[in-house]
Amino acid sequence: MTRLPRFVSFVAVSLGCFDLIRGLVHTVLAGSTGVELSGVDISGPTGRDQLVFMIAFGSSNFITGAALIYLGLTNRLGALIVITVIPVALFIAGFSLEHWGADLQGQGVFPGTRNMKIYAIICIVTVFGALLLRFLDAHLPASKHNLKAE
């Protein structure tokens, strides 16, 4: 079995819980709290489209949240793989926004942008930390550190 540090599970479950909260805000509460938090005006001509996208995005938060919690509790390697894919996907989305000229200006600038940057940084730090500890585990005597096997 692959030996990975326990903090991978902790981060996966924590991010999973955060995703479930985001899913709730982006779906069930989208028309009230979600709109108020994001500062989006859904009364305009594109308001319905923005609401549809917010709700569709929220459904994916439920999926990633459930997957991260499950993997964090059952499979650290699987959790680490998902945590690795998340910032890659966010980078591709950011690149695509820039490429297609969809600048985040006006109503497109919402508080979630900052949260997603923090989310991505947590993922990146977790991946590098886990890989570093995995490397150290393979090259140092077991008595020097405490990694629990999966």
C-alpha atoms as a PDB file:
ATOM      1  CA  MET A   1       0.000   0.000   0.000  1.00  0.00           C
ATOM      2  CA  THR A   2       1.071   3.566  -0.582  1.00  0.00           C
ATOM      3  CA  ARG A   3       2.058   5.321   2.604  1.00  0.00           C
ATOM      4  CA  LEU A   4       0.743   8.856   2.734  1.00  0.00           C
ATOM      5  CA  PRO A   5       0.513  11.253   5.682  1.00  0.00           C
ATOM      6  CA  ARG A   6      -2.741  11.597   7.604  1.00  0.00           C
ATOM      7  CA  PHE A   7      -3.053  15.282   6.762  1.00  0.00           C
ATOM      8  CA  VAL A   8      -4.093  14.289   3.212  1.00  0.00           C
ATOM      9  CA  SER A   9      -7.249  12.778   4.695  1.00  0.00           C
ATOM     10  CA  PHE A  10      -7.817  15.809   6.912  1.00  0.00           C
ATOM     11  CA  VAL A  11      -7.473  18.230   3.985  1.00  0.00           C
ATOM     12  CA  ALA A  12      -9.702  16.100   1.737  1.00  0.00           C
ATOM     13  CA  VAL A  13     -12.496  15.888   4.319  1.00  0.00           C
ATOM     14  CA  SER A  14     -12.172  19.611   5.148  1.00  0.00           C
ATOM     15  CA  LEU A  15     -12.319  20.663   1.490  1.00  0.00           C
ATOM     16  CA  GLY A  16     -15.191  18.231   0.976  1.00  0.00           C
ATOM     17  CA  CYS A  17     -17.186  19.878   3.781  1.00  0.00           C
ATOM     18  CA  PHE A  18     -16.394  23.296   2.319  1.00  0.00           C
ATOM     19  CA  ASP A  19     -17.617  22.085  -1.088  1.00  0.00           C
ATOM     20  CA  LEU A  20     -20.884  20.834   0.426  1.00  0.00           C
ATOM     21  CA  ILE A  21     -21.468  24.266   1.960  1.00  0.00           C
ATOM     22  CA  ARG A  22     -20.669  25.924  -1.389  1.00  0.00           C
ATOM     23  CA  GLY A  23     -23.041  23.490  -3.097  1.00  0.00           C
ATOM     24  CA  LEU A  24     -25.810  24.452  -0.697  1.00  0.00           C
ATOM     25  CA  VAL A  25     -25.219  28.181  -1.247  1.00  0.00           C
ATOM     26  CA  HIS A  26     -25.022  27.794  -5.043  1.00  0.00           C
ATOM     27  CA  THR A  27     -28.173  25.649  -5.347  1.00  0.00           C
ATOM     28  CA  VAL A  28     -30.749  25.716  -2.558  1.00  0.00           C
ATOM     29  CA  LEU A  29     -29.872  29.262  -1.505  1.00  0.00           C
ATOM     30  CA  ALA A  30     -28.902  30.540  -4.967  1.00  0.00           C
ATOM     31  CA  GLY A  31     -31.789  32.957  -5.385  1.00  0.00           C
ATOM     32  CA  SER A  32     -31.252  34.632  -2.016  1.00  0.00           C
ATOM     33  CA  THR A  33     -28.049  34.124  -0.059  1.00  0.00           C
ATOM     34  CA  GLY A  34     -26.023  33.035  -3.090  1.00  0.00           C
ATOM     35  CA  VAL A  35     -26.974  36.140  -5.048  1.00  0.00           C
ATOM     36  CA  GLU A  36     -26.404  38.400  -2.050  1.00  0.00           C
ATOM     37  CA  LEU A  37     -22.970  36.932  -1.313  1.00  0.00           C
ATOM     38  CA  SER A  38     -21.859  37.086  -4.949  1.00  0.00           C
ATOM     39  CA  GLY A  39     -23.242  40.573  -5.545  1.00  0.00           C
ATOM     40  CA  VAL A  40     -24.818  39.476  -8.816  1.00  0.00           C
ATOM     41  CA  ASP A  41     -27.931  41.326 -10.033  1.00  0.00           C
ATOM     42  CA  ILE A  42     -30.302  38.670 -11.354  1.00  0.00           C
ATOM     43  CA  SER A  43     -33.002  41.195 -12.208  1.00  0.00           C
ATOM     44  CA  GLY A  44     -31.221  42.244 -15.428  1.00  0.00           C
ATOM     45  CA  PRO A  45     -31.533  40.699 -18.896  1.00  0.00           C
ATOM     46  CA  THR A  46     -28.882  38.038 -18.168  1.00  0.00           C
ATOM     47  CA  GLY A  47     -30.043  37.393 -14.612  1.00  0.00           C
ATOM     48  CA  ARG A  48     -31.701  34.068 -15.352  1.00  0.00           C
ATOM     49  CA  ASP A  49     -28.613  32.856 -17.222  1.00  0.00           C
ATOM     50  CA  GLN A  50     -26.402  33.790 -14.260  1.00  0.00           C
ATOM     51  CA  LEU A  51     -28.742  31.965 -11.901  1.00  0.00           C
ATOM     52  CA  VAL A  52     -28.717  28.850 -14.110  1.00  0.00           C
ATOM     53  CA  PHE A  53     -24.907  28.842 -14.177  1.00  0.00           C
ATOM     54  CA  MET A  54     -24.710  29.371 -10.425  1.00  0.00           C
ATOM     55  CA  ILE A  55     -27.022  26.432  -9.757  1.00  0.00           C
ATOM     56  CA  ALA A  56     -25.241  24.178 -12.278  1.00  0.00           C
ATOM     57  CA  PHE A  57     -21.920  25.050 -10.629  1.00  0.00           C
ATOM     58  CA  GLY A  58     -23.415  24.264  -7.228  1.00  0.00           C
ATOM     59  CA  SER A  59     -24.389  20.764  -8.288  1.00  0.00           C
ATOM     60  CA  SER A  60     -20.758  20.027  -9.130  1.00  0.00           C
ATOM     61  CA  ASN A  61     -19.803  21.221  -5.624  1.00  0.00           C
ATOM     62  CA  PHE A  62     -21.968  18.466  -4.150  1.00  0.00           C
ATOM     63  CA  ILE A  63     -20.183  15.896  -6.323  1.00  0.00           C
ATOM     64  CA  THR A  64     -16.651  17.023  -5.454  1.00  0.00           C
ATOM     65  CA  GLY A  65     -17.599  17.466  -1.805  1.00  0.00           C
ATOM     66  CA  ALA A  66     -18.966  13.947  -1.489  1.00  0.00           C
ATOM     67  CA  ALA A  67     -16.015  12.487  -3.421  1.00  0.00           C
ATOM     68  CA  LEU A  68     -13.437  14.290  -1.283  1.00  0.00           C
ATOM     69  CA  ILE A  69     -15.091  13.244   1.978  1.00  0.00           C
ATOM     70  CA  TYR A  70     -15.427   9.621   0.866  1.00  0.00           C
ATOM     71  CA  LEU A  71     -11.865   9.408  -0.426  1.00  0.00           C
ATOM     72  CA  GLY A  72     -10.477  11.243   2.590  1.00  0.00           C
ATOM     73  CA  LEU A  73     -12.067   8.647   4.860  1.00  0.00           C
ATOM     74  CA  THR A  74     -11.286   5.559   2.771  1.00  0.00           C
ATOM     75  CA  ASN A  75      -8.431   6.099   0.297  1.00  0.00           C
ATOM     76  CA  ARG A  76      -5.668   8.659   0.808  1.00  0.00           C
ATOM     77  CA  LEU A  77      -4.123   8.017  -2.597  1.00  0.00           C
ATOM     78  CA  GLY A  78      -7.470   8.619  -4.310  1.00  0.00           C
ATOM     79  CA  ALA A  79      -7.957  11.765  -2.259  1.00  0.00           C
ATOM     80  CA  LEU A  80      -4.498  12.995  -3.221  1.00  0.00           C
ATOM     81  CA  ILE A  81      -5.235  12.371  -6.905  1.00  0.00           C
ATOM     82  CA  VAL A  82      -8.452  14.407  -6.728  1.00  0.00           C
ATOM     83  CA  ILE A  83      -6.677  17.151  -4.755  1.00  0.00           C
ATOM     84  CA  THR A  84      -4.049  17.210  -7.523  1.00  0.00           C
ATOM     85  CA  VAL A  85      -6.616  17.459 -10.334  1.00  0.00           C
ATOM     86  CA  ILE A  86      -8.559  20.348  -8.756  1.00  0.00           C
ATOM     87  CA  PRO A  87      -5.930  23.125  -9.182  1.00  0.00           C
ATOM     88  CA  VAL A  88      -5.134  21.831 -12.680  1.00  0.00           C
ATOM     89  CA  ALA A  89      -8.815  22.141 -13.616  1.00  0.00           C
ATOM     90  CA  LEU A  90      -9.015  25.609 -12.045  1.00  0.00           C
ATOM     91  CA  PHE A  91      -5.901  26.686 -13.982  1.00  0.00           C
ATOM     92  CA  ILE A  92      -7.450  25.443 -17.244  1.00  0.00           C
ATOM     93  CA  ALA A  93     -10.646  27.355 -16.437  1.00  0.00           C
ATOM     94  CA  GLY A  94      -8.681  30.518 -15.657  1.00  0.00           C
ATOM     95  CA  PHE A  95      -6.658  30.166 -18.848  1.00  0.00           C
ATOM     96  CA  SER A  96      -9.862  29.676 -20.847  1.00  0.00           C
ATOM     97  CA  LEU A  97     -11.433  32.776 -19.301  1.00  0.00           C
ATOM     98  CA  GLU A  98      -8.391  34.809 -20.340  1.00  0.00           C
ATOM     99  CA  HIS A  99      -8.196  33.203 -23.779  1.00  0.00           C
ATOM    100  CA  TRP A 100     -11.826  33.943 -24.612  1.00  0.00           C
ATOM    101  CA  GLY A 101     -11.669  37.446 -23.157  1.00  0.00           C
ATOM    102  CA  ALA A 102     -14.147  36.734 -20.381  1.00  0.00           C
ATOM    103  CA  ASP A 103     -12.456  39.115 -17.970  1.00  0.00           C
ATOM    104  CA  LEU A 104     -13.770  39.040 -14.457  1.00  0.00           C
ATOM    105  CA  GLN A 105     -14.973  42.632 -14.362  1.00  0.00           C
ATOM    106  CA  GLY A 106     -18.173  44.278 -13.237  1.00  0.00           C
ATOM    107  CA  GLN A 107     -20.595  41.609 -12.047  1.00  0.00           C
ATOM    108  CA  GLY A 108     -18.008  38.937 -12.877  1.00  0.00           C
ATOM    109  CA  VAL A 109     -15.872  39.975  -9.905  1.00  0.00           C
ATOM    110  CA  PHE A 110     -17.318  38.137  -6.965  1.00  0.00           C
ATOM    111  CA  PRO A 111     -15.969  37.067  -3.560  1.00  0.00           C
ATOM    112  CA  GLY A 112     -15.727  33.450  -4.706  1.00  0.00           C
ATOM    113  CA  THR A 113     -12.694  34.263  -6.850  1.00  0.00           C
ATOM    114  CA  ARG A 114     -10.537  34.881  -3.790  1.00  0.00           C
ATOM    115  CA  ASN A 115     -11.884  31.768  -2.080  1.00  0.00           C
ATOM    116  CA  MET A 116     -11.027  29.636  -5.109  1.00  0.00           C
ATOM    117  CA  LYS A 117      -7.454  30.941  -5.138  1.00  0.00           C
ATOM    118  CA  ILE A 118      -7.098  29.970  -1.466  1.00  0.00           C
ATOM    119  CA  TYR A 119      -8.700  26.586  -2.227  1.00  0.00           C
ATOM    120  CA  ALA A 120      -6.203  25.980  -5.058  1.00  0.00           C
ATOM    121  CA  ILE A 121      -3.255  27.002  -2.863  1.00  0.00           C
ATOM    122  CA  ILE A 122      -4.389  24.580  -0.148  1.00  0.00           C
ATOM    123  CA  CYS A 123      -4.540  21.809  -2.762  1.00  0.00           C
ATOM    124  CA  ILE A 124      -1.079  22.622  -4.147  1.00  0.00           C
ATOM    125  CA  VAL A 125       0.537  22.825  -0.695  1.00  0.00           C
ATOM    126  CA  THR A 126      -1.119  19.539   0.279  1.00  0.00           C
ATOM    127  CA  VAL A 127       0.131  17.752  -2.835  1.00  0.00           C
ATOM    128  CA  PHE A 128       3.700  19.009  -2.473  1.00  0.00           C
ATOM    129  CA  GLY A 129       3.713  18.320   1.268  1.00  0.00           C
ATOM    130  CA  ALA A 130       2.417  14.775   0.799  1.00  0.00           C
ATOM    131  CA  LEU A 131       4.899  14.050  -1.988  1.00  0.00           C
ATOM    132  CA  LEU A 132       7.762  15.467   0.049  1.00  0.00           C
ATOM    133  CA  LEU A 133       6.846  13.347   3.066  1.00  0.00           C
ATOM    134  CA  ARG A 134       6.394  10.327   0.795  1.00  0.00           C
ATOM    135  CA  PHE A 135       9.889  10.921  -0.598  1.00  0.00           C
ATOM    136  CA  LEU A 136      11.336  11.306   2.900  1.00  0.00           C
ATOM    137  CA  ASP A 137       9.540   8.139   3.988  1.00  0.00           C
ATOM    138  CA  ALA A 138      11.256   6.220   1.191  1.00  0.00           C
ATOM    139  CA  HIS A 139      14.716   7.626   1.933  1.00  0.00           C
ATOM    140  CA  LEU A 140      14.908   8.006   5.726  1.00  0.00           C
ATOM    141  CA  PRO A 141      14.791   5.388   8.471  1.00  0.00           C
ATOM    142  CA  ALA A 142      11.245   4.802   9.742  1.00  0.00           C
ATOM    143  CA  SER A 143      12.168   5.902  13.272  1.00  0.00           C
ATOM    144  CA  LYS A 144      12.795   9.498  12.120  1.00  0.00           C
ATOM    145  CA  HIS A 145       9.150  10.320  11.341  1.00  0.00           C
ATOM    146  CA  ASN A 146       5.637   9.029  11.826  1.00  0.00           C
ATOM    147  CA  LEU A 147       3.671   8.262   8.678  1.00  0.00           C
ATOM    148  CA  LYS A 148       0.706   5.982   9.064  1.00  0.00           C
ATOM    149  CA  ALA A 149       0.114   3.429   6.341  1.00  0.00           C
ATOM    150  CA  GLU A 150      -3.162   3.576   4.513  1.00  0.00           C
END
